[in-house]
Amino acid sequence: MKIGIITVSDRSFKKQREDLSGPLTKKMVSNLGEVVDYRIVPDDRLIISRTIRELIDEAKVDLVLTTGGTGLSSRDVTPEATEDVIEKTLPGFGEIIRVKGFEKTPHALLSRAIAGVRKKSLVINLPGSPKAVRESLELILPAIPHALEIIKGP
């Protein structure tokens, strides 16, 4: 499996803050396949959607994981950028992240993370904080291989 990771953060993009979530994501998915691309992009809808498209259409990754940009601030546009490029939505990923996250903090309800399919690839938005990334990936990792099996078909 070829995996692409996109950290969405104005501050990390400007090198004002170290990205901890992207490397954590890379470490946690290493048993699924090879991370062939890892990028840090600003909170910009066009740049995020273009990057997702590039990873799937040009780099031919099977799985794109984004981290960050799923909250309520005016700069949080990762879900909208994802909607711009996916062909099918998979609401279960975001739902379980919010429901299980809510068991730990009511703030989990503020996440707008989504998931979906573009061509034969899976795109999943993760929250931005390392703690939330870890908790979210622990929940959804078991479902990813089967989801990709179905998406790719026989």
N, C-alpha and C. Protein backbone atom coordinates (compact mmCIF):
# COMPACT_ATOMS: atom_id res chain seq x y z
N MET A 1 0.85 -1.18 0.00
CA MET A 1 0.00 0.00 0.00
C MET A 1 0.89 1.25 0.00
N LYS A 2 0.56 2.17 -0.88
CA LYS A 2 1.28 3.45 -0.93
C LYS A 2 0.46 4.49 -0.17
N ILE A 3 1.12 5.21 0.73
CA ILE A 3 0.43 6.14 1.62
C ILE A 3 1.01 7.54 1.47
N GLY A 4 0.12 8.53 1.45
CA GLY A 4 0.52 9.93 1.46
C GLY A 4 -0.04 10.60 2.70
N ILE A 5 0.77 11.44 3.33
CA ILE A 5 0.36 12.15 4.54
C ILE A 5 0.48 13.65 4.29
N ILE A 6 -0.57 14.37 4.65
CA ILE A 6 -0.58 15.82 4.51
C ILE A 6 -0.89 16.44 5.86
N THR A 7 0.05 17.23 6.38
CA THR A 7 -0.22 18.02 7.57
C THR A 7 -0.70 19.39 7.10
N VAL A 8 -1.85 19.81 7.60
CA VAL A 8 -2.42 21.10 7.26
C VAL A 8 -2.25 22.03 8.46
N SER A 9 -1.34 22.99 8.31
CA SER A 9 -1.06 23.90 9.42
C SER A 9 -0.30 25.11 8.91
N ASP A 10 -0.88 26.29 9.09
CA ASP A 10 -0.18 27.52 8.70
C ASP A 10 1.14 27.65 9.45
N ARG A 11 1.10 27.41 10.76
CA ARG A 11 2.31 27.59 11.59
C ARG A 11 3.40 26.58 11.26
N SER A 12 3.04 25.35 11.05
CA SER A 12 4.06 24.35 10.69
C SER A 12 4.60 24.62 9.28
N PHE A 13 3.74 25.04 8.37
CA PHE A 13 4.17 25.37 7.02
C PHE A 13 5.19 26.52 7.04
N LYS A 14 4.96 27.50 7.92
CA LYS A 14 5.86 28.64 8.04
C LYS A 14 7.05 28.35 8.95
N LYS A 15 7.14 27.11 9.43
CA LYS A 15 8.21 26.66 10.32
C LYS A 15 8.23 27.41 11.66
N GLN A 16 7.04 27.85 12.08
CA GLN A 16 6.89 28.51 13.38
C GLN A 16 6.58 27.50 14.48
N ARG A 17 6.20 26.28 14.07
CA ARG A 17 5.89 25.21 15.02
C ARG A 17 6.24 23.88 14.37
N GLU A 18 6.89 23.02 15.14
CA GLU A 18 7.24 21.70 14.63
C GLU A 18 5.98 20.87 14.43
N ASP A 19 5.94 20.16 13.32
CA ASP A 19 4.83 19.26 13.05
C ASP A 19 5.07 17.96 13.80
N LEU A 20 4.23 17.66 14.76
CA LEU A 20 4.32 16.41 15.51
C LEU A 20 3.32 15.37 15.00
N SER A 21 2.22 15.83 14.45
CA SER A 21 1.15 14.92 14.02
C SER A 21 1.49 14.15 12.75
N GLY A 22 2.12 14.79 11.80
CA GLY A 22 2.50 14.10 10.56
C GLY A 22 3.46 12.94 10.82
N PRO A 23 4.57 13.19 11.54
CA PRO A 23 5.48 12.08 11.84
C PRO A 23 4.83 10.97 12.69
N LEU A 24 3.94 11.34 13.60
CA LEU A 24 3.24 10.34 14.39
C LEU A 24 2.35 9.49 13.48
N THR A 25 1.65 10.13 12.57
CA THR A 25 0.81 9.41 11.62
C THR A 25 1.66 8.43 10.81
N LYS A 26 2.79 8.91 10.33
CA LYS A 26 3.70 8.07 9.54
C LYS A 26 4.12 6.84 10.33
N LYS A 27 4.47 7.04 11.57
CA LYS A 27 4.90 5.92 12.42
C LYS A 27 3.76 4.92 12.62
N MET A 28 2.56 5.44 12.87
CA MET A 28 1.43 4.56 13.19
C MET A 28 0.93 3.75 11.99
N VAL A 29 1.15 4.25 10.78
CA VAL A 29 0.65 3.53 9.60
C VAL A 29 1.74 2.72 8.91
N SER A 30 2.92 2.70 9.47
CA SER A 30 4.05 2.03 8.81
C SER A 30 3.81 0.54 8.57
N ASN A 31 2.97 -0.09 9.40
CA ASN A 31 2.68 -1.51 9.19
C ASN A 31 1.66 -1.75 8.07
N LEU A 32 0.99 -0.68 7.59
CA LEU A 32 0.03 -0.83 6.50
C LEU A 32 0.70 -0.80 5.14
N GLY A 33 1.81 -0.09 5.04
CA GLY A 33 2.48 0.06 3.76
C GLY A 33 3.57 1.10 3.86
N GLU A 34 3.94 1.65 2.71
CA GLU A 34 5.04 2.61 2.64
C GLU A 34 4.50 4.04 2.50
N VAL A 35 4.98 4.92 3.36
CA VAL A 35 4.65 6.33 3.21
C VAL A 35 5.57 6.88 2.12
N VAL A 36 4.99 7.15 0.97
CA VAL A 36 5.78 7.59 -0.19
C VAL A 36 5.81 9.10 -0.34
N ASP A 37 4.95 9.80 0.39
CA ASP A 37 4.92 11.26 0.32
C ASP A 37 4.39 11.82 1.62
N TYR A 38 5.06 12.84 2.12
CA TYR A 38 4.65 13.54 3.35
C TYR A 38 4.87 15.02 3.09
N ARG A 39 3.81 15.79 3.24
CA ARG A 39 3.90 17.22 2.97
C ARG A 39 3.24 18.03 4.09
N ILE A 40 3.74 19.23 4.25
CA ILE A 40 3.12 20.20 5.14
C ILE A 40 2.62 21.33 4.25
N VAL A 41 1.32 21.62 4.36
CA VAL A 41 0.72 22.68 3.54
C VAL A 41 0.00 23.67 4.44
N PRO A 42 -0.20 24.89 3.95
CA PRO A 42 -0.95 25.88 4.74
C PRO A 42 -2.45 25.57 4.71
N ASP A 43 -3.18 26.22 5.60
CA ASP A 43 -4.63 26.10 5.65
C ASP A 43 -5.23 26.88 4.48
N ASP A 44 -5.15 26.30 3.31
CA ASP A 44 -5.63 26.93 2.09
C ASP A 44 -6.39 25.88 1.29
N ARG A 45 -7.67 26.11 1.08
CA ARG A 45 -8.54 25.12 0.45
C ARG A 45 -8.01 24.63 -0.90
N LEU A 46 -7.58 25.55 -1.75
CA LEU A 46 -7.10 25.16 -3.08
C LEU A 46 -5.82 24.34 -3.00
N ILE A 47 -4.92 24.73 -2.11
CA ILE A 47 -3.65 24.00 -1.97
C ILE A 47 -3.90 22.61 -1.41
N ILE A 48 -4.78 22.51 -0.43
CA ILE A 48 -5.09 21.19 0.16
C ILE A 48 -5.71 20.27 -0.90
N SER A 49 -6.72 20.76 -1.61
CA SER A 49 -7.39 19.91 -2.60
C SER A 49 -6.43 19.55 -3.73
N ARG A 50 -5.60 20.49 -4.16
CA ARG A 50 -4.62 20.20 -5.21
C ARG A 50 -3.63 19.13 -4.74
N THR A 51 -3.21 19.21 -3.49
CA THR A 51 -2.25 18.24 -2.95
C THR A 51 -2.87 16.85 -2.87
N ILE A 52 -4.11 16.76 -2.43
CA ILE A 52 -4.79 15.45 -2.40
C ILE A 52 -4.87 14.88 -3.82
N ARG A 53 -5.28 15.72 -4.78
CA ARG A 53 -5.37 15.29 -6.18
C ARG A 53 -4.01 14.79 -6.69
N GLU A 54 -2.95 15.54 -6.42
CA GLU A 54 -1.61 15.15 -6.88
C GLU A 54 -1.20 13.79 -6.31
N LEU A 55 -1.45 13.61 -5.03
CA LEU A 55 -1.05 12.35 -4.39
C LEU A 55 -1.78 11.16 -5.01
N ILE A 56 -3.05 11.34 -5.31
CA ILE A 56 -3.85 10.24 -5.87
C ILE A 56 -3.64 10.11 -7.37
N ASP A 57 -3.79 11.20 -8.09
CA ASP A 57 -3.77 11.14 -9.55
C ASP A 57 -2.37 10.96 -10.14
N GLU A 58 -1.36 11.54 -9.50
CA GLU A 58 0.00 11.50 -10.04
C GLU A 58 0.89 10.50 -9.30
N ALA A 59 0.90 10.57 -7.96
CA ALA A 59 1.76 9.66 -7.18
C ALA A 59 1.12 8.29 -7.01
N LYS A 60 -0.16 8.19 -7.35
CA LYS A 60 -0.89 6.91 -7.30
C LYS A 60 -0.90 6.28 -5.91
N VAL A 61 -1.08 7.12 -4.87
CA VAL A 61 -1.17 6.55 -3.53
C VAL A 61 -2.53 5.90 -3.34
N ASP A 62 -2.56 4.92 -2.45
CA ASP A 62 -3.80 4.21 -2.14
C ASP A 62 -4.56 4.89 -1.00
N LEU A 63 -3.81 5.53 -0.12
CA LEU A 63 -4.39 6.12 1.09
C LEU A 63 -3.78 7.50 1.31
N VAL A 64 -4.64 8.50 1.50
CA VAL A 64 -4.20 9.85 1.88
C VAL A 64 -4.77 10.13 3.26
N LEU A 65 -3.89 10.46 4.18
CA LEU A 65 -4.30 10.86 5.52
C LEU A 65 -3.92 12.32 5.70
N THR A 66 -4.90 13.14 6.05
CA THR A 66 -4.60 14.53 6.38
C THR A 66 -4.68 14.67 7.88
N THR A 67 -3.93 15.60 8.41
CA THR A 67 -4.02 15.92 9.83
C THR A 67 -4.08 17.43 9.98
N GLY A 68 -5.08 17.90 10.71
CA GLY A 68 -5.24 19.33 10.93
C GLY A 68 -6.29 19.95 10.04
N GLY A 69 -6.74 21.14 10.46
CA GLY A 69 -7.68 21.91 9.66
C GLY A 69 -9.12 21.43 9.70
N THR A 70 -9.48 20.65 10.75
CA THR A 70 -10.83 20.09 10.81
C THR A 70 -11.73 20.77 11.84
N GLY A 71 -11.24 21.83 12.45
CA GLY A 71 -11.99 22.50 13.51
C GLY A 71 -12.93 23.57 13.00
N LEU A 72 -13.18 24.56 13.86
CA LEU A 72 -14.18 25.58 13.57
C LEU A 72 -13.63 26.94 13.19
N SER A 73 -12.32 27.12 13.25
CA SER A 73 -11.79 28.45 12.95
C SER A 73 -12.00 28.77 11.46
N SER A 74 -11.92 30.03 11.13
CA SER A 74 -12.15 30.43 9.74
C SER A 74 -11.10 29.84 8.80
N ARG A 75 -9.92 29.49 9.31
CA ARG A 75 -8.85 28.92 8.48
C ARG A 75 -8.97 27.40 8.35
N ASP A 76 -9.84 26.75 9.11
CA ASP A 76 -9.99 25.29 9.06
C ASP A 76 -10.87 24.90 7.88
N VAL A 77 -10.23 24.46 6.80
CA VAL A 77 -10.95 24.16 5.56
C VAL A 77 -10.62 22.77 4.98
N THR A 78 -9.99 21.92 5.76
CA THR A 78 -9.61 20.61 5.24
C THR A 78 -10.83 19.79 4.80
N PRO A 79 -11.93 19.75 5.56
CA PRO A 79 -13.08 18.98 5.09
C PRO A 79 -13.64 19.51 3.76
N GLU A 80 -13.69 20.81 3.61
CA GLU A 80 -14.20 21.39 2.36
C GLU A 80 -13.27 21.05 1.20
N ALA A 81 -11.96 21.13 1.42
CA ALA A 81 -10.99 20.79 0.38
C ALA A 81 -11.11 19.32 0.00
N THR A 82 -11.37 18.48 0.99
CA THR A 82 -11.54 17.05 0.74
C THR A 82 -12.81 16.81 -0.07
N GLU A 83 -13.89 17.48 0.32
CA GLU A 83 -15.15 17.34 -0.43
C GLU A 83 -14.98 17.75 -1.89
N ASP A 84 -14.09 18.70 -2.15
CA ASP A 84 -13.86 19.16 -3.53
C ASP A 84 -13.30 18.06 -4.42
N VAL A 85 -12.66 17.05 -3.83
CA VAL A 85 -11.97 16.05 -4.66
C VAL A 85 -12.50 14.63 -4.54
N ILE A 86 -13.27 14.32 -3.52
CA ILE A 86 -13.76 12.94 -3.38
C ILE A 86 -15.03 12.73 -4.20
N GLU A 87 -15.25 11.46 -4.55
CA GLU A 87 -16.42 11.09 -5.35
C GLU A 87 -17.50 10.42 -4.50
N LYS A 88 -17.09 9.80 -3.39
CA LYS A 88 -18.02 9.17 -2.45
C LYS A 88 -17.58 9.53 -1.05
N THR A 89 -18.56 9.76 -0.17
CA THR A 89 -18.22 10.01 1.23
C THR A 89 -18.35 8.71 2.02
N LEU A 90 -17.54 8.60 3.05
CA LEU A 90 -17.57 7.48 3.98
C LEU A 90 -17.73 8.05 5.39
N PRO A 91 -18.96 8.36 5.78
CA PRO A 91 -19.18 9.07 7.04
C PRO A 91 -18.78 8.30 8.30
N GLY A 92 -18.68 6.98 8.21
CA GLY A 92 -18.38 6.19 9.40
C GLY A 92 -17.06 6.54 10.06
N PHE A 93 -16.04 6.89 9.27
CA PHE A 93 -14.75 7.22 9.86
C PHE A 93 -14.84 8.44 10.78
N GLY A 94 -15.42 9.53 10.27
CA GLY A 94 -15.56 10.73 11.08
C GLY A 94 -16.51 10.52 12.26
N GLU A 95 -17.55 9.74 12.02
CA GLU A 95 -18.52 9.49 13.09
C GLU A 95 -17.89 8.77 14.27
N ILE A 96 -17.12 7.71 14.01
CA ILE A 96 -16.53 6.95 15.12
C ILE A 96 -15.47 7.78 15.84
N ILE A 97 -14.74 8.58 15.10
CA ILE A 97 -13.73 9.44 15.73
C ILE A 97 -14.41 10.42 16.67
N ARG A 98 -15.53 10.99 16.25
CA ARG A 98 -16.23 11.96 17.10
C ARG A 98 -16.89 11.27 18.30
N VAL A 99 -17.57 10.14 18.05
CA VAL A 99 -18.28 9.45 19.13
C VAL A 99 -17.32 8.96 20.20
N LYS A 100 -16.27 8.25 19.77
CA LYS A 100 -15.30 7.72 20.75
C LYS A 100 -14.50 8.85 21.39
N GLY A 101 -14.21 9.88 20.61
CA GLY A 101 -13.50 11.04 21.17
C GLY A 101 -14.33 11.75 22.21
N PHE A 102 -15.66 11.78 22.00
CA PHE A 102 -16.56 12.43 22.94
C PHE A 102 -16.52 11.74 24.31
N GLU A 103 -16.22 10.45 24.32
CA GLU A 103 -16.12 9.73 25.59
C GLU A 103 -14.97 10.28 26.44
N LYS A 104 -14.01 10.95 25.81
CA LYS A 104 -12.86 11.51 26.52
C LYS A 104 -12.98 13.01 26.73
N THR A 105 -13.56 13.70 25.73
CA THR A 105 -13.73 15.14 25.82
C THR A 105 -14.90 15.59 24.95
N PRO A 106 -15.75 16.48 25.46
CA PRO A 106 -16.85 16.97 24.63
C PRO A 106 -16.36 17.78 23.43
N HIS A 107 -15.10 18.21 23.46
CA HIS A 107 -14.56 18.98 22.34
C HIS A 107 -14.45 18.17 21.05
N ALA A 108 -14.49 16.85 21.18
CA ALA A 108 -14.41 15.99 19.99
C ALA A 108 -15.58 16.26 19.04
N LEU A 109 -16.68 16.74 19.57
CA LEU A 109 -17.84 17.04 18.72
C LEU A 109 -17.58 18.19 17.77
N LEU A 110 -16.55 18.97 18.04
CA LEU A 110 -16.24 20.13 17.21
C LEU A 110 -15.46 19.76 15.95
N SER A 111 -15.01 18.51 15.87
CA SER A 111 -14.28 18.07 14.68
C SER A 111 -15.24 17.90 13.51
N ARG A 112 -14.80 18.35 12.36
CA ARG A 112 -15.60 18.21 11.14
C ARG A 112 -14.94 17.25 10.16
N ALA A 113 -14.03 16.41 10.65
CA ALA A 113 -13.28 15.49 9.80
C ALA A 113 -14.22 14.60 8.99
N ILE A 114 -13.82 14.37 7.73
CA ILE A 114 -14.59 13.50 6.85
C ILE A 114 -13.65 12.49 6.20
N ALA A 115 -14.23 11.56 5.48
CA ALA A 115 -13.46 10.58 4.71
C ALA A 115 -14.22 10.30 3.43
N GLY A 116 -13.48 9.81 2.44
CA GLY A 116 -14.14 9.49 1.18
C GLY A 116 -13.22 8.80 0.21
N VAL A 117 -13.76 8.56 -0.97
CA VAL A 117 -13.06 7.84 -2.03
C VAL A 117 -12.87 8.76 -3.22
N ARG A 118 -11.65 8.74 -3.75
CA ARG A 118 -11.35 9.38 -5.03
C ARG A 118 -10.71 8.31 -5.89
N LYS A 119 -11.31 8.06 -7.02
CA LYS A 119 -10.85 6.99 -7.92
C LYS A 119 -10.78 5.69 -7.12
N LYS A 120 -9.60 5.11 -6.97
CA LYS A 120 -9.45 3.86 -6.23
C LYS A 120 -8.66 4.09 -4.94
N SER A 121 -8.75 5.32 -4.40
CA SER A 121 -7.99 5.68 -3.21
C SER A 121 -8.91 6.17 -2.09
N LEU A 122 -8.44 6.01 -0.88
CA LEU A 122 -9.16 6.40 0.32
C LEU A 122 -8.52 7.66 0.89
N VAL A 123 -9.35 8.64 1.26
CA VAL A 123 -8.89 9.88 1.87
C VAL A 123 -9.56 10.00 3.23
N ILE A 124 -8.76 10.22 4.27
CA ILE A 124 -9.31 10.34 5.62
C ILE A 124 -8.70 11.57 6.30
N ASN A 125 -9.58 12.44 6.83
CA ASN A 125 -9.13 13.58 7.63
C ASN A 125 -8.97 13.15 9.07
N LEU A 126 -7.85 13.55 9.67
CA LEU A 126 -7.62 13.33 11.09
C LEU A 126 -7.53 14.68 11.78
N PRO A 127 -7.76 14.72 13.08
CA PRO A 127 -7.59 15.98 13.82
C PRO A 127 -6.13 16.43 13.78
N GLY A 128 -5.86 17.58 14.35
CA GLY A 128 -4.51 18.13 14.30
C GLY A 128 -3.60 17.80 15.47
N SER A 129 -4.15 17.57 16.63
CA SER A 129 -3.28 17.35 17.79
C SER A 129 -2.74 15.93 17.79
N PRO A 130 -1.49 15.74 18.22
CA PRO A 130 -0.93 14.39 18.26
C PRO A 130 -1.77 13.41 19.09
N LYS A 131 -2.30 13.86 20.21
CA LYS A 131 -3.12 12.98 21.06
C LYS A 131 -4.36 12.51 20.30
N ALA A 132 -5.02 13.43 19.63
CA ALA A 132 -6.23 13.09 18.87
C ALA A 132 -5.89 12.23 17.65
N VAL A 133 -4.74 12.47 17.04
CA VAL A 133 -4.32 11.64 15.92
C VAL A 133 -4.12 10.20 16.39
N ARG A 134 -3.41 10.03 17.49
CA ARG A 134 -3.15 8.69 18.02
C ARG A 134 -4.47 7.98 18.33
N GLU A 135 -5.35 8.64 19.06
CA GLU A 135 -6.62 8.03 19.45
C GLU A 135 -7.47 7.70 18.22
N SER A 136 -7.48 8.59 17.24
CA SER A 136 -8.28 8.37 16.03
C SER A 136 -7.74 7.21 15.21
N LEU A 137 -6.44 7.20 15.00
CA LEU A 137 -5.86 6.11 14.20
C LEU A 137 -6.03 4.76 14.88
N GLU A 138 -5.92 4.71 16.20
CA GLU A 138 -6.14 3.45 16.90
C GLU A 138 -7.54 2.90 16.62
N LEU A 139 -8.50 3.80 16.45
CA LEU A 139 -9.88 3.38 16.16
C LEU A 139 -10.06 2.90 14.74
N ILE A 140 -9.49 3.61 13.78
CA ILE A 140 -9.83 3.36 12.38
C ILE A 140 -8.84 2.47 11.62
N LEU A 141 -7.63 2.32 12.12
CA LEU A 141 -6.63 1.53 11.39
C LEU A 141 -7.12 0.14 10.99
N PRO A 142 -7.82 -0.59 11.87
CA PRO A 142 -8.26 -1.93 11.48
C PRO A 142 -9.20 -1.95 10.27
N ALA A 143 -9.92 -0.87 10.01
CA ALA A 143 -10.89 -0.84 8.91
C ALA A 143 -10.27 -0.46 7.57
N ILE A 144 -9.10 0.14 7.59
CA ILE A 144 -8.52 0.67 6.35
C ILE A 144 -8.19 -0.41 5.31
N PRO A 145 -7.51 -1.49 5.67
CA PRO A 145 -7.20 -2.49 4.62
C PRO A 145 -8.45 -3.06 3.94
N HIS A 146 -9.46 -3.36 4.72
CA HIS A 146 -10.69 -3.91 4.14
C HIS A 146 -11.38 -2.86 3.25
N ALA A 147 -11.41 -1.61 3.70
CA ALA A 147 -12.00 -0.55 2.89
C ALA A 147 -11.30 -0.45 1.54
N LEU A 148 -9.98 -0.51 1.56
CA LEU A 148 -9.22 -0.41 0.30
C LEU A 148 -9.43 -1.65 -0.57
N GLU A 149 -9.58 -2.80 0.03
CA GLU A 149 -9.88 -4.01 -0.73
C GLU A 149 -11.16 -3.83 -1.54
N ILE A 150 -12.17 -3.29 -0.88
CA ILE A 150 -13.47 -3.08 -1.53
C ILE A 150 -13.36 -2.00 -2.61
N ILE A 151 -12.68 -0.90 -2.27
CA ILE A 151 -12.53 0.22 -3.22
C ILE A 151 -11.80 -0.24 -4.48
N LYS A 152 -10.76 -1.00 -4.32
CA LYS A 152 -9.93 -1.43 -5.46
C LYS A 152 -10.62 -2.51 -6.29
N GLY A 153 -11.50 -3.28 -5.65
CA GLY A 153 -12.24 -4.31 -6.37
C GLY A 153 -11.39 -5.51 -6.71
N PRO A 154 -12.01 -6.48 -7.42
CA PRO A 154 -11.29 -7.71 -7.74
C PRO A 154 -10.15 -7.48 -8.73
